[in-house]
C-alpha atoms as a PDB file:
ATOM      1  CA  MET A   1    -104.096  66.716 -68.765  1.00  0.00           C
ATOM      2  CA  PRO A   2    -102.069  63.851 -70.096  1.00  0.00           C
ATOM      3  CA  PRO A   3    -101.756  60.813 -67.907  1.00  0.00           C
ATOM      4  CA  ILE A   4     -98.589  60.422 -65.800  1.00  0.00           C
ATOM      5  CA  LYS A   5     -96.425  57.592 -67.002  1.00  0.00           C
ATOM      6  CA  ARG A   6     -95.058  55.415 -64.271  1.00  0.00           C
ATOM      7  CA  LYS A   7     -91.788  53.544 -64.469  1.00  0.00           C
ATOM      8  CA  PRO A   8     -92.431  49.885 -64.394  1.00  0.00           C
ATOM      9  CA  ALA A   9     -91.397  48.253 -61.061  1.00  0.00           C
ATOM     10  CA  ASP A  10     -88.433  45.877 -61.223  1.00  0.00           C
ATOM     11  CA  GLN A  11     -88.491  42.416 -59.874  1.00  0.00           C
ATOM     12  CA  LYS A  12     -86.819  43.403 -56.575  1.00  0.00           C
ATOM     13  CA  GLN A  13     -89.441  45.987 -55.848  1.00  0.00           C
ATOM     14  CA  ILE A  14     -92.168  43.540 -56.653  1.00  0.00           C
ATOM     15  CA  THR A  15     -90.652  41.035 -54.260  1.00  0.00           C
ATOM     16  CA  GLU A  16     -90.372  43.589 -51.462  1.00  0.00           C
ATOM     17  CA  ILE A  17     -93.996  44.559 -51.933  1.00  0.00           C
ATOM     18  CA  ASP A  18     -95.311  41.039 -52.193  1.00  0.00           C
ATOM     19  CA  ASN A  19     -93.050  39.553 -49.457  1.00  0.00           C
ATOM     20  CA  PRO A  20     -91.915  42.048 -46.820  1.00  0.00           C
ATOM     21  CA  LEU A  21     -90.050  39.328 -44.799  1.00  0.00           C
ATOM     22  CA  ALA A  22     -87.963  38.420 -47.782  1.00  0.00           C
ATOM     23  CA  ALA A  23     -87.057  42.063 -48.159  1.00  0.00           C
ATOM     24  CA  VAL A  24     -85.862  42.281 -44.545  1.00  0.00           C
ATOM     25  CA  LYS A  25     -83.817  39.098 -44.954  1.00  0.00           C
ATOM     26  CA  ALA A  26     -82.211  40.430 -48.091  1.00  0.00           C
ATOM     27  CA  ALA A  27     -81.282  43.621 -46.313  1.00  0.00           C
ATOM     28  CA  ILE A  28     -79.634  41.694 -43.481  1.00  0.00           C
ATOM     29  CA  GLU A  29     -77.648  39.558 -45.933  1.00  0.00           C
ATOM     30  CA  ALA A  30     -76.541  42.656 -47.789  1.00  0.00           C
ATOM     31  CA  ARG A  31     -75.297  44.220 -44.581  1.00  0.00           C
ATOM     32  CA  SER A  32     -73.473  41.009 -43.590  1.00  0.00           C
ATOM     33  CA  THR A  33     -71.856  40.795 -46.992  1.00  0.00           C
ATOM     34  CA  ALA A  34     -70.588  44.327 -46.683  1.00  0.00           C
ATOM     35  CA  LYS A  35     -68.843  43.469 -43.352  1.00  0.00           C
ATOM     36  CA  THR A  36     -67.212  40.137 -44.328  1.00  0.00           C
ATOM     37  CA  GLY A  37     -66.596  40.793 -48.013  1.00  0.00           C
ATOM     38  CA  THR A  38     -68.120  37.417 -49.004  1.00  0.00           C
ATOM     39  CA  LYS A  39     -71.378  36.459 -50.407  1.00  0.00           C
ATOM     40  CA  SER A  40     -73.715  34.620 -48.161  1.00  0.00           C
ATOM     41  CA  THR A  41     -74.971  31.272 -49.267  1.00  0.00           C
ATOM     42  CA  GLY A  42     -77.950  31.447 -47.023  1.00  0.00           C
ATOM     43  CA  ARG A  43     -76.310  29.166 -44.378  1.00  0.00           C
ATOM     44  CA  PRO A  44     -74.397  30.128 -41.269  1.00  0.00           C
ATOM     45  CA  SER A  45     -70.710  30.076 -42.262  1.00  0.00           C
ATOM     46  CA  SER A  46     -68.812  31.539 -39.316  1.00  0.00           C
ATOM     47  CA  ARG A  47     -68.146  28.241 -37.394  1.00  0.00           C
ATOM     48  CA  PRO A  48     -67.052  26.078 -40.341  1.00  0.00           C
ATOM     49  CA  ALA A  49     -64.695  28.805 -41.533  1.00  0.00           C
ATOM     50  CA  ALA A  50     -63.034  29.115 -38.125  1.00  0.00           C
ATOM     51  CA  LYS A  51     -62.547  25.362 -37.922  1.00  0.00           C
ATOM     52  CA  THR A  52     -60.989  25.233 -41.350  1.00  0.00           C
ATOM     53  CA  THR A  53     -58.697  28.105 -40.495  1.00  0.00           C
ATOM     54  CA  THR A  54     -57.565  26.389 -37.234  1.00  0.00           C
ATOM     55  CA  LYS A  55     -56.771  23.145 -39.040  1.00  0.00           C
ATOM     56  CA  ALA A  56     -54.824  24.978 -41.669  1.00  0.00           C
ATOM     57  CA  THR A  57     -52.873  26.920 -39.090  1.00  0.00           C
ATOM     58  CA  ALA A  58     -52.011  23.733 -37.121  1.00  0.00           C
ATOM     59  CA  LYS A  59     -50.946  21.964 -40.298  1.00  0.00           C
ATOM     60  CA  THR A  60     -48.723  24.865 -41.278  1.00  0.00           C
ATOM     61  CA  ALA A  61     -47.106  24.957 -37.814  1.00  0.00           C
ATOM     62  CA  ALA A  62     -46.506  21.195 -37.858  1.00  0.00           C
ATOM     63  CA  THR A  63     -44.915  21.494 -41.287  1.00  0.00           C
ATOM     64  CA  LYS A  64     -42.628  24.236 -40.026  1.00  0.00           C
ATOM     65  CA  ARG A  65     -41.646  22.125 -37.045  1.00  0.00           C
ATOM     66  CA  ARG A  66     -40.845  19.186 -39.283  1.00  0.00           C
ATOM     67  CA  LYS A  67     -38.806  21.320 -41.619  1.00  0.00           C
ATOM     68  CA  ALA A  68     -36.935  23.142 -38.857  1.00  0.00           C
ATOM     69  CA  PRO A  69     -33.390  21.737 -38.582  1.00  0.00           C
ATOM     70  CA  ALA A  70     -32.620  19.869 -35.323  1.00  0.00           C
ATOM     71  CA  LYS A  71     -30.282  21.714 -32.995  1.00  0.00           C
ATOM     72  CA  LYS A  72     -27.021  19.890 -32.398  1.00  0.00           C
ATOM     73  CA  GLY A  73     -25.674  19.624 -28.811  1.00  0.00           C
ATOM     74  CA  LYS A  74     -22.411  21.343 -28.115  1.00  0.00           C
ATOM     75  CA  GLY A  75     -19.387  18.968 -28.027  1.00  0.00           C
ATOM     76  CA  LEU A  76     -16.660  18.878 -25.349  1.00  0.00           C
ATOM     77  CA  SER A  77     -14.287  21.765 -25.463  1.00  0.00           C
ATOM     78  CA  LEU A  78     -10.634  21.190 -26.323  1.00  0.00           C
ATOM     79  CA  GLN A  79      -9.617  21.878 -22.726  1.00  0.00           C
ATOM     80  CA  TRP A  80     -11.909  19.151 -21.351  1.00  0.00           C
ATOM     81  CA  LYS A  81     -10.692  16.661 -23.930  1.00  0.00           C
ATOM     82  CA  PHE A  82      -7.133  17.402 -22.871  1.00  0.00           C
ATOM     83  CA  VAL A  83      -7.992  16.896 -19.187  1.00  0.00           C
ATOM     84  CA  ILE A  84      -9.735  13.580 -19.903  1.00  0.00           C
ATOM     85  CA  ALA A  85      -6.756  12.409 -21.956  1.00  0.00           C
ATOM     86  CA  LEU A  86      -4.521  13.031 -18.964  1.00  0.00           C
ATOM     87  CA  VAL A  87      -6.805  11.663 -16.231  1.00  0.00           C
ATOM     88  CA  LEU A  88      -7.948   8.379 -17.806  1.00  0.00           C
ATOM     89  CA  PRO A  89      -4.465   6.784 -18.085  1.00  0.00           C
ATOM     90  CA  VAL A  90      -3.807   7.707 -14.472  1.00  0.00           C
ATOM     91  CA  LEU A  91      -7.064   6.175 -13.221  1.00  0.00           C
ATOM     92  CA  PHE A  92      -6.413   2.923 -15.044  1.00  0.00           C
ATOM     93  CA  SER A  93      -2.768   2.755 -14.051  1.00  0.00           C
ATOM     94  CA  PRO A  94      -1.708   0.190 -11.381  1.00  0.00           C
ATOM     95  CA  LEU A  95       0.657   2.829 -10.019  1.00  0.00           C
ATOM     96  CA  TYR A  96      -2.328   5.003  -9.146  1.00  0.00           C
ATOM     97  CA  TYR A  97      -4.006   2.258  -7.155  1.00  0.00           C
ATOM     98  CA  GLY A  98      -0.682   1.413  -5.507  1.00  0.00           C
ATOM     99  CA  TYR A  99      -0.384   5.027  -4.400  1.00  0.00           C
ATOM    100  CA  VAL A 100      -3.948   5.053  -3.061  1.00  0.00           C
ATOM    101  CA  LEU A 101      -3.317   1.756  -1.256  1.00  0.00           C
ATOM    102  CA  LYS A 102      -0.141   3.152   0.276  1.00  0.00           C
ATOM    103  CA  ILE A 103      -2.013   6.182   1.620  1.00  0.00           C
ATOM    104  CA  PHE A 104      -4.757   3.944   3.022  1.00  0.00           C
ATOM    105  CA  THR A 105      -2.210   1.622   4.643  1.00  0.00           C
ATOM    106  CA  SER A 106      -0.309   4.520   6.171  1.00  0.00           C
ATOM    107  CA  ALA A 107      -3.505   6.002   7.564  1.00  0.00           C
ATOM    108  CA  THR A 108      -4.524   2.629   9.016  1.00  0.00           C
ATOM    109  CA  ARG A 109      -1.072   2.202  10.536  1.00  0.00           C
ATOM    110  CA  TRP A 110      -1.323   5.646  12.112  1.00  0.00           C
ATOM    111  CA  VAL A 111      -4.681   4.791  13.712  1.00  0.00           C
ATOM    112  CA  LEU A 112      -3.446   1.439  15.031  1.00  0.00           C
ATOM    113  CA  ASP A 113      -0.338   3.038  16.509  1.00  0.00           C
ATOM    114  CA  ILE A 114      -2.270   5.545  18.612  1.00  0.00           C
ATOM    115  CA  GLY A 115      -1.125   5.152  22.216  1.00  0.00           C
ATOM    116  CA  GLU A 116       2.075   3.247  21.327  1.00  0.00           C
ATOM    117  CA  ASP A 117       5.635   4.476  21.616  1.00  0.00           C
ATOM    118  CA  PRO A 118       6.415   5.664  18.065  1.00  0.00           C
ATOM    119  CA  ASN A 119       9.986   4.387  18.458  1.00  0.00           C
ATOM    120  CA  TYR A 120       8.886   0.934  19.624  1.00  0.00           C
ATOM    121  CA  ARG A 121       5.719  -0.009  17.809  1.00  0.00           C
ATOM    122  CA  THR A 122       4.159  -3.367  16.964  1.00  0.00           C
ATOM    123  CA  TYR A 123       4.803  -4.867  13.547  1.00  0.00           C
ATOM    124  CA  LYS A 124       1.877  -7.168  12.940  1.00  0.00           C
ATOM    125  CA  SER A 125       3.619  -9.345  10.353  1.00  0.00           C
ATOM    126  CA  PHE A 126       6.474 -10.137  12.762  1.00  0.00           C
ATOM    127  CA  ASN A 127       4.130 -10.259  15.774  1.00  0.00           C
ATOM    128  CA  ILE A 128       6.545  -8.254  17.933  1.00  0.00           C
ATOM    129  CA  GLN A 129       7.469  -4.720  18.836  1.00  0.00           C
ATOM    130  CA  ILE A 130      10.576  -3.505  17.005  1.00  0.00           C
ATOM    131  CA  PRO A 131      12.772  -0.526  17.899  1.00  0.00           C
ATOM    132  CA  LYS A 132      12.202   1.846  15.015  1.00  0.00           C
ATOM    133  CA  ARG A 133      15.474   3.766  15.117  1.00  0.00           C
ATOM    134  CA  TYR A 134      17.422   0.847  13.608  1.00  0.00           C
ATOM    135  CA  GLN A 135      17.591   0.262   9.868  1.00  0.00           C
ATOM    136  CA  ILE A 136      19.154  -3.202   9.547  1.00  0.00           C
ATOM    137  CA  HIS A 137      17.435  -6.232  11.065  1.00  0.00           C
ATOM    138  CA  GLY A 138      18.240  -9.915  11.330  1.00  0.00           C
ATOM    139  CA  ILE A 139      17.546 -13.218  13.056  1.00  0.00           C
ATOM    140  CA  ASP A 140      19.485 -16.078  14.632  1.00  0.00           C
ATOM    141  CA  VAL A 141      18.499 -19.706  14.126  1.00  0.00           C
ATOM    142  CA  SER A 142      19.349 -23.255  15.097  1.00  0.00           C
ATOM    143  CA  SER A 143      17.850 -26.723  14.710  1.00  0.00           C
ATOM    144  CA  TYR A 144      15.042 -25.535  16.989  1.00  0.00           C
ATOM    145  CA  GLN A 145      13.525 -23.655  14.031  1.00  0.00           C
ATOM    146  CA  GLY A 146      13.569 -26.788  11.870  1.00  0.00           C
ATOM    147  CA  LYS A 147      13.668 -26.650   8.085  1.00  0.00           C
ATOM    148  CA  ILE A 148      13.645 -23.049   6.901  1.00  0.00           C
ATOM    149  CA  ASP A 149      12.450 -21.640   3.581  1.00  0.00           C
ATOM    150  CA  TRP A 150      15.066 -18.912   3.202  1.00  0.00           C
ATOM    151  CA  LYS A 151      13.511 -17.410   0.073  1.00  0.00           C
ATOM    152  CA  MET A 152      10.331 -16.710   2.011  1.00  0.00           C
ATOM    153  CA  VAL A 153      12.386 -15.292   4.873  1.00  0.00           C
ATOM    154  CA  LYS A 154      14.081 -12.866   2.508  1.00  0.00           C
ATOM    155  CA  SER A 155      10.842 -11.810   0.820  1.00  0.00           C
ATOM    156  CA  MET A 156       9.093 -10.951   4.096  1.00  0.00           C
ATOM    157  CA  ARG A 157       8.735  -7.221   4.670  1.00  0.00           C
ATOM    158  CA  GLU A 158       6.592  -4.759   6.596  1.00  0.00           C
ATOM    159  CA  ASP A 159       7.150  -1.075   6.009  1.00  0.00           C
ATOM    160  CA  ASP A 160      10.941  -0.638   6.201  1.00  0.00           C
ATOM    161  CA  VAL A 161      11.649  -3.829   8.178  1.00  0.00           C
ATOM    162  CA  GLN A 162      13.020  -6.925   6.456  1.00  0.00           C
ATOM    163  CA  ILE A 163      15.577  -9.626   7.190  1.00  0.00           C
ATOM    164  CA  THR A 164      19.078  -8.653   6.074  1.00  0.00           C
ATOM    165  CA  TYR A 165      21.291 -11.087   8.000  1.00  0.00           C
ATOM    166  CA  ALA A 166      21.165 -14.300  10.015  1.00  0.00           C
ATOM    167  CA  PHE A 167      23.395 -15.805  12.669  1.00  0.00           C
ATOM    168  CA  ILE A 168      23.330 -19.600  12.325  1.00  0.00           C
ATOM    169  CA  LYS A 169      24.278 -22.024  15.065  1.00  0.00           C
ATOM    170  CA  ALA A 170      27.151 -24.257  13.988  1.00  0.00           C
ATOM    171  CA  THR A 171      28.622 -26.039  16.997  1.00  0.00           C
ATOM    172  CA  GLU A 172      28.405 -26.543  20.757  1.00  0.00           C
ATOM    173  CA  GLY A 173      31.184 -27.649  23.092  1.00  0.00           C
ATOM    174  CA  ILE A 174      33.790 -29.901  21.503  1.00  0.00           C
ATOM    175  CA  SER A 175      31.662 -32.452  19.642  1.00  0.00           C
ATOM    176  CA  SER A 176      28.130 -31.263  18.834  1.00  0.00           C
ATOM    177  CA  VAL A 177      27.262 -29.960  15.366  1.00  0.00           C
ATOM    178  CA  ASP A 178      23.841 -28.431  14.803  1.00  0.00           C
ATOM    179  CA  PRO A 179      21.967 -30.856  12.495  1.00  0.00           C
ATOM    180  CA  TYR A 180      20.603 -28.021  10.332  1.00  0.00           C
ATOM    181  CA  PHE A 181      23.789 -25.963  10.124  1.00  0.00           C
ATOM    182  CA  GLN A 182      25.097 -27.173   6.765  1.00  0.00           C
ATOM    183  CA  ARG A 183      21.730 -26.716   5.093  1.00  0.00           C
ATOM    184  CA  ASN A 184      21.165 -23.248   6.582  1.00  0.00           C
ATOM    185  CA  TRP A 185      24.754 -22.178   5.817  1.00  0.00           C
ATOM    186  CA  ARG A 186      24.267 -23.243   2.197  1.00  0.00           C
ATOM    187  CA  GLU A 187      20.719 -22.059   1.494  1.00  0.00           C
ATOM    188  CA  ALA A 188      20.546 -18.720   3.307  1.00  0.00           C
ATOM    189  CA  PRO A 189      23.199 -17.000   1.140  1.00  0.00           C
ATOM    190  CA  LYS A 190      21.422 -18.235  -1.988  1.00  0.00           C
ATOM    191  CA  ALA A 191      18.384 -16.236  -0.899  1.00  0.00           C
ATOM    192  CA  GLY A 192      20.468 -13.100  -0.407  1.00  0.00           C
ATOM    193  CA  ILE A 193      20.863 -13.321   3.382  1.00  0.00           C
ATOM    194  CA  VAL A 194      24.206 -12.239   4.866  1.00  0.00           C
ATOM    195  CA  CYS A 195      25.312 -15.013   7.223  1.00  0.00           C
ATOM    196  CA  GLY A 196      27.346 -15.448  10.357  1.00  0.00           C
ATOM    197  CA  ALA A 197      28.037 -18.645  12.314  1.00  0.00           C
ATOM    198  CA  TYR A 198      28.117 -18.994  16.089  1.00  0.00           C
ATOM    199  CA  HIS A 199      29.496 -21.462  18.613  1.00  0.00           C
ATOM    200  CA  PHE A 200      27.739 -22.192  21.897  1.00  0.00           C
ATOM    201  CA  PHE A 201      30.540 -21.967  24.459  1.00  0.00           C
ATOM    202  CA  ILE A 202      30.780 -24.307  27.467  1.00  0.00           C
ATOM    203  CA  PRO A 203      33.204 -22.769  30.028  1.00  0.00           C
ATOM    204  CA  LYS A 204      34.067 -26.057  31.766  1.00  0.00           C
ATOM    205  CA  LYS A 205      35.601 -27.438  28.563  1.00  0.00           C
ATOM    206  CA  SER A 206      38.773 -26.359  26.837  1.00  0.00           C
ATOM    207  CA  GLY A 207      38.383 -23.087  25.022  1.00  0.00           C
ATOM    208  CA  LEU A 208      41.147 -23.990  22.567  1.00  0.00           C
ATOM    209  CA  TRP A 209      39.562 -27.320  21.652  1.00  0.00           C
ATOM    210  CA  GLN A 210      36.196 -25.676  21.194  1.00  0.00           C
ATOM    211  CA  ALA A 211      37.739 -23.081  18.882  1.00  0.00           C
ATOM    212  CA  ARG A 212      39.422 -25.762  16.765  1.00  0.00           C
ATOM    213  CA  PHE A 213      36.206 -27.753  16.516  1.00  0.00           C
ATOM    214  CA  PHE A 214      34.294 -24.623  15.504  1.00  0.00           C
ATOM    215  CA  LEU A 215      36.713 -23.708  12.706  1.00  0.00           C
ATOM    216  CA  GLN A 216      36.799 -27.304  11.446  1.00  0.00           C
ATOM    217  CA  THR A 217      33.037 -27.124  10.970  1.00  0.00           C
ATOM    218  CA  VAL A 218      32.666 -23.621   9.532  1.00  0.00           C
ATOM    219  CA  LYS A 219      34.485 -22.309   6.480  1.00  0.00           C
ATOM    220  CA  PHE A 220      34.272 -18.536   6.593  1.00  0.00           C
ATOM    221  CA  GLU A 221      34.436 -16.588   3.349  1.00  0.00           C
ATOM    222  CA  GLU A 222      34.584 -13.010   2.197  1.00  0.00           C
ATOM    223  CA  GLY A 223      31.251 -11.284   2.792  1.00  0.00           C
ATOM    224  CA  ASP A 224      30.359 -13.317   5.884  1.00  0.00           C
ATOM    225  CA  LEU A 225      29.775 -11.807   9.296  1.00  0.00           C
ATOM    226  CA  PRO A 226      32.616 -12.382  11.805  1.00  0.00           C
ATOM    227  CA  PRO A 227      32.630 -15.606  13.881  1.00  0.00           C
ATOM    228  CA  VAL A 228      30.503 -15.467  17.021  1.00  0.00           C
ATOM    229  CA  ILE A 229      31.028 -17.054  20.440  1.00  0.00           C
ATOM    230  CA  ASP A 230      27.891 -17.433  22.532  1.00  0.00           C
ATOM    231  CA  VAL A 231      28.664 -17.336  26.261  1.00  0.00           C
ATOM    232  CA  GLU A 232      25.688 -17.212  28.604  1.00  0.00           C
ATOM    233  CA  HIS A 233      26.549 -19.081  31.828  1.00  0.00           C
ATOM    234  CA  LEU A 234      29.431 -20.282  34.010  1.00  0.00           C
ATOM    235  CA  SER A 235      28.681 -24.016  33.699  1.00  0.00           C
ATOM    236  CA  GLY A 236      29.758 -24.531  37.301  1.00  0.00           C
ATOM    237  CA  VAL A 237      33.191 -22.914  37.041  1.00  0.00           C
ATOM    238  CA  SER A 238      34.460 -19.662  38.525  1.00  0.00           C
ATOM    239  CA  PRO A 239      34.251 -16.401  36.567  1.00  0.00           C
ATOM    240  CA  GLU A 240      38.030 -16.405  36.327  1.00  0.00           C
ATOM    241  CA  LYS A 241      38.093 -19.924  34.818  1.00  0.00           C
ATOM    242  CA  MET A 242      35.334 -18.972  32.377  1.00  0.00           C
ATOM    243  CA  ARG A 243      37.218 -15.877  31.227  1.00  0.00           C
ATOM    244  CA  ALA A 244      40.470 -17.852  30.823  1.00  0.00           C
ATOM    245  CA  GLU A 245      38.860 -20.466  28.554  1.00  0.00           C
ATOM    246  CA  LEU A 246      36.996 -17.758  26.674  1.00  0.00           C
ATOM    247  CA  SER A 247      40.241 -15.904  26.092  1.00  0.00           C
ATOM    248  CA  ASP A 248      41.813 -19.062  24.618  1.00  0.00           C
ATOM    249  CA  PHE A 249      38.868 -19.515  22.285  1.00  0.00           C
ATOM    250  CA  ILE A 250      38.892 -15.899  21.075  1.00  0.00           C
ATOM    251  CA  GLY A 251      42.649 -15.833  20.610  1.00  0.00           C
ATOM    252  CA  HIS A 252      42.703 -18.944  18.437  1.00  0.00           C
ATOM    253  CA  VAL A 253      39.769 -17.860  16.226  1.00  0.00           C
ATOM    254  CA  GLU A 254      41.190 -14.384  15.718  1.00  0.00           C
ATOM    255  CA  LYS A 255      44.590 -15.808  14.819  1.00  0.00           C
ATOM    256  CA  LYS A 256      43.164 -18.194  12.214  1.00  0.00           C
ATOM    257  CA  THR A 257      40.580 -15.912  10.633  1.00  0.00           C
ATOM    258  CA  LYS A 258      42.352 -12.557  11.036  1.00  0.00           C
ATOM    259  CA  VAL A 259      39.036 -11.192  12.272  1.00  0.00           C
ATOM    260  CA  LYS A 260      37.965 -10.141  15.748  1.00  0.00           C
ATOM    261  CA  PRO A 261      35.115 -12.477  16.767  1.00  0.00           C
ATOM    262  CA  ILE A 262      31.840 -11.169  18.134  1.00  0.00           C
ATOM    263  CA  ILE A 263      30.948 -12.013  21.751  1.00  0.00           C
ATOM    264  CA  TYR A 264      27.276 -12.795  22.415  1.00  0.00           C
ATOM    265  CA  SER A 265      25.817 -12.630  25.927  1.00  0.00           C
ATOM    266  CA  GLY A 266      22.842 -11.503  27.958  1.00  0.00           C
ATOM    267  CA  LEU A 267      22.981  -7.977  29.351  1.00  0.00           C
ATOM    268  CA  VAL A 268      23.127  -9.104  32.994  1.00  0.00           C
ATOM    269  CA  PHE A 269      25.788 -11.782  32.375  1.00  0.00           C
ATOM    270  CA  TYR A 270      27.852  -9.310  30.408  1.00  0.00           C
ATOM    271  CA  LYS A 271      27.751  -6.682  33.170  1.00  0.00           C
ATOM    272  CA  ASP A 272      28.518  -9.241  35.881  1.00  0.00           C
ATOM    273  CA  TYR A 273      31.338 -11.222  34.261  1.00  0.00           C
ATOM    274  CA  LEU A 274      32.555  -9.782  30.954  1.00  0.00           C
ATOM    275  CA  LYS A 275      32.478  -6.015  31.093  1.00  0.00           C
ATOM    276  CA  GLY A 276      35.966  -4.583  31.405  1.00  0.00           C
ATOM    277  CA  TYR A 277      37.697  -7.752  30.203  1.00  0.00           C
ATOM    278  CA  PHE A 278      36.913  -8.025  26.476  1.00  0.00           C
ATOM    279  CA  ASP A 279      36.010  -4.447  25.608  1.00  0.00           C
ATOM    280  CA  GLU A 280      38.051  -4.429  22.400  1.00  0.00           C
ATOM    281  CA  TYR A 281      35.739  -7.017  20.829  1.00  0.00           C
ATOM    282  CA  PRO A 282      32.378  -6.237  19.250  1.00  0.00           C
ATOM    283  CA  LEU A 283      29.396  -7.250  21.370  1.00  0.00           C
ATOM    284  CA  TRP A 284      26.025  -8.788  20.608  1.00  0.00           C
ATOM    285  CA  ILE A 285      23.750  -8.237  23.606  1.00  0.00           C
ATOM    286  CA  ALA A 286      20.466  -9.971  24.457  1.00  0.00           C
ATOM    287  CA  HIS A 287      17.937  -7.793  26.265  1.00  0.00           C
ATOM    288  CA  TYR A 288      14.269  -8.475  25.566  1.00  0.00           C
ATOM    289  CA  TYR A 289      11.077  -6.423  25.239  1.00  0.00           C
ATOM    290  CA  GLN A 290      12.612  -2.997  25.759  1.00  0.00           C
ATOM    291  CA  SER A 291      12.421   0.136  23.629  1.00  0.00           C
ATOM    292  CA  ASP A 292      16.135   0.791  24.109  1.00  0.00           C
ATOM    293  CA  LEU A 293      19.279  -1.104  25.065  1.00  0.00           C
ATOM    294  CA  LYS A 294      20.809   0.570  28.100  1.00  0.00           C
ATOM    295  CA  ALA A 295      24.173  -1.152  28.228  1.00  0.00           C
ATOM    296  CA  GLY A 296      26.163   1.939  29.054  1.00  0.00           C
ATOM    297  CA  ALA A 297      27.704   4.606  26.870  1.00  0.00           C
ATOM    298  CA  ASP A 298      31.107   2.903  26.996  1.00  0.00           C
ATOM    299  CA  THR A 299      29.774  -0.481  25.842  1.00  0.00           C
ATOM    300  CA  LYS A 300      30.891  -1.354  22.339  1.00  0.00           C
ATOM    301  CA  TRP A 301      27.837  -3.249  21.176  1.00  0.00           C
ATOM    302  CA  PHE A 302      26.908  -3.727  17.519  1.00  0.00           C
ATOM    303  CA  PHE A 303      23.988  -6.179  17.637  1.00  0.00           C
ATOM    304  CA  TRP A 304      20.978  -6.225  19.934  1.00  0.00           C
ATOM    305  CA  GLN A 305      18.774  -9.293  20.346  1.00  0.00           C
ATOM    306  CA  HIS A 306      15.594  -7.544  21.500  1.00  0.00           C
ATOM    307  CA  SER A 307      12.992 -10.303  21.103  1.00  0.00           C
ATOM    308  CA  ASP A 308      12.759 -14.090  21.173  1.00  0.00           C
ATOM    309  CA  LYS A 309       9.172 -14.339  19.902  1.00  0.00           C
ATOM    310  CA  ALA A 310       9.267 -13.120  16.308  1.00  0.00           C
ATOM    311  CA  ARG A 311       7.164 -14.804  13.658  1.00  0.00           C
ATOM    312  CA  ILE A 312       8.917 -15.080  10.312  1.00  0.00           C
ATOM    313  CA  THR A 313       7.436 -16.279   7.032  1.00  0.00           C
ATOM    314  CA  GLY A 314       9.147 -19.528   6.047  1.00  0.00           C
ATOM    315  CA  ILE A 315       9.948 -20.546   9.659  1.00  0.00           C
ATOM    316  CA  ASN A 316       7.553 -22.696  11.660  1.00  0.00           C
ATOM    317  CA  HIS A 317       8.737 -21.658  15.137  1.00  0.00           C
ATOM    318  CA  VAL A 318       9.327 -18.389  16.917  1.00  0.00           C
ATOM    319  CA  VAL A 319      12.680 -16.750  16.220  1.00  0.00           C
ATOM    320  CA  ASP A 320      15.100 -14.397  17.979  1.00  0.00           C
ATOM    321  CA  PHE A 321      15.019 -10.961  16.368  1.00  0.00           C
ATOM    322  CA  ASN A 322      17.984  -8.582  16.210  1.00  0.00           C
ATOM    323  CA  ALA A 323      18.882  -5.019  15.289  1.00  0.00           C
ATOM    324  CA  PHE A 324      22.217  -3.738  14.028  1.00  0.00           C
ATOM    325  CA  ARG A 325      23.586  -0.561  15.566  1.00  0.00           C
ATOM    326  CA  GLY A 326      24.634   1.427  12.530  1.00  0.00           C
ATOM    327  CA  ASP A 327      23.820   2.188   8.921  1.00  0.00           C
ATOM    328  CA  SER A 328      24.374   0.088   5.819  1.00  0.00           C
ATOM    329  CA  LEU A 329      27.937   1.377   5.392  1.00  0.00           C
ATOM    330  CA  SER A 330      28.857   0.361   8.943  1.00  0.00           C
ATOM    331  CA  PHE A 331      27.305  -3.037   8.341  1.00  0.00           C
ATOM    332  CA  GLN A 332      29.386  -3.576   5.206  1.00  0.00           C
ATOM    333  CA  GLN A 333      32.537  -2.620   7.073  1.00  0.00           C
ATOM    334  CA  MET A 334      31.887  -5.377   9.608  1.00  0.00           C
ATOM    335  CA  LEU A 335      31.919  -8.138   7.011  1.00  0.00           C
ATOM    336  CA  ILE A 336      34.959 -10.330   6.413  1.00  0.00           C
ATOM    337  CA  LYS A 337      37.168  -8.884   3.713  1.00  0.00           C
END
């Protein structure tokens, strides 16, 4: 029987026979290669590969972030721009702050006036209470007030109260001229103050002589207030004698000026000695620290001296303060034409 020919063993078979461990290792590598699709190098490769992949992924993401365009913030809408364009000029306008200041002042005034008569409240600048129902206010002065800065007097104002007119003392009796009359009579009109002059009447002296002396001192012009005669006491004579001399004074002044003079007196003196005798002449009544002048419905008064303690800018002493009974048209009608 012929001998059976055997196929020569290849190198792999020889290795498996001679080294069984190497054969097992080769089988494991073959199986691993089949799962990963890569050829093993004989070293563990899973951890280095993962690390490389992570670095590559991070680098790619960083590149994408760098390349991604930055998002631009949304600008103001047209409506908001329009609103800002309107609001900014208002906020920076002095008129705006003046309006705010006016509201604040009004609110402060309202708080301070709590508990006061709204028709007779305190005006801090003038340091007196002033009847609120009157629109036109004034003062009367003499040498007692000294040198007056009439521009400052005119510029003084609190709310709706300011000095519109001034009665200025000119003469007294038959020989006394107020030392500040000429200056006051000259300077007050320059400041825009409407002026009137008054004579302090002394009943025991001739009313006619006093009237002549008064008109020699004062030169009345168009736009002035009517002449005023100040009668406050009897000077030791009877009421009848006082009224007779007063009548002479008034008659002469009215004849020369063609204007009815104003009679000034205190409320009590007027009621006791004058009421019913000179009712056709306009009256200027003194009655202090009251919210209203109760002189009677039939009393023809036009001016009310309601305080003798007013503080006025430009005057160094307290001043008598007055209110006119009427509006601006009535006031203009009283002036000398």
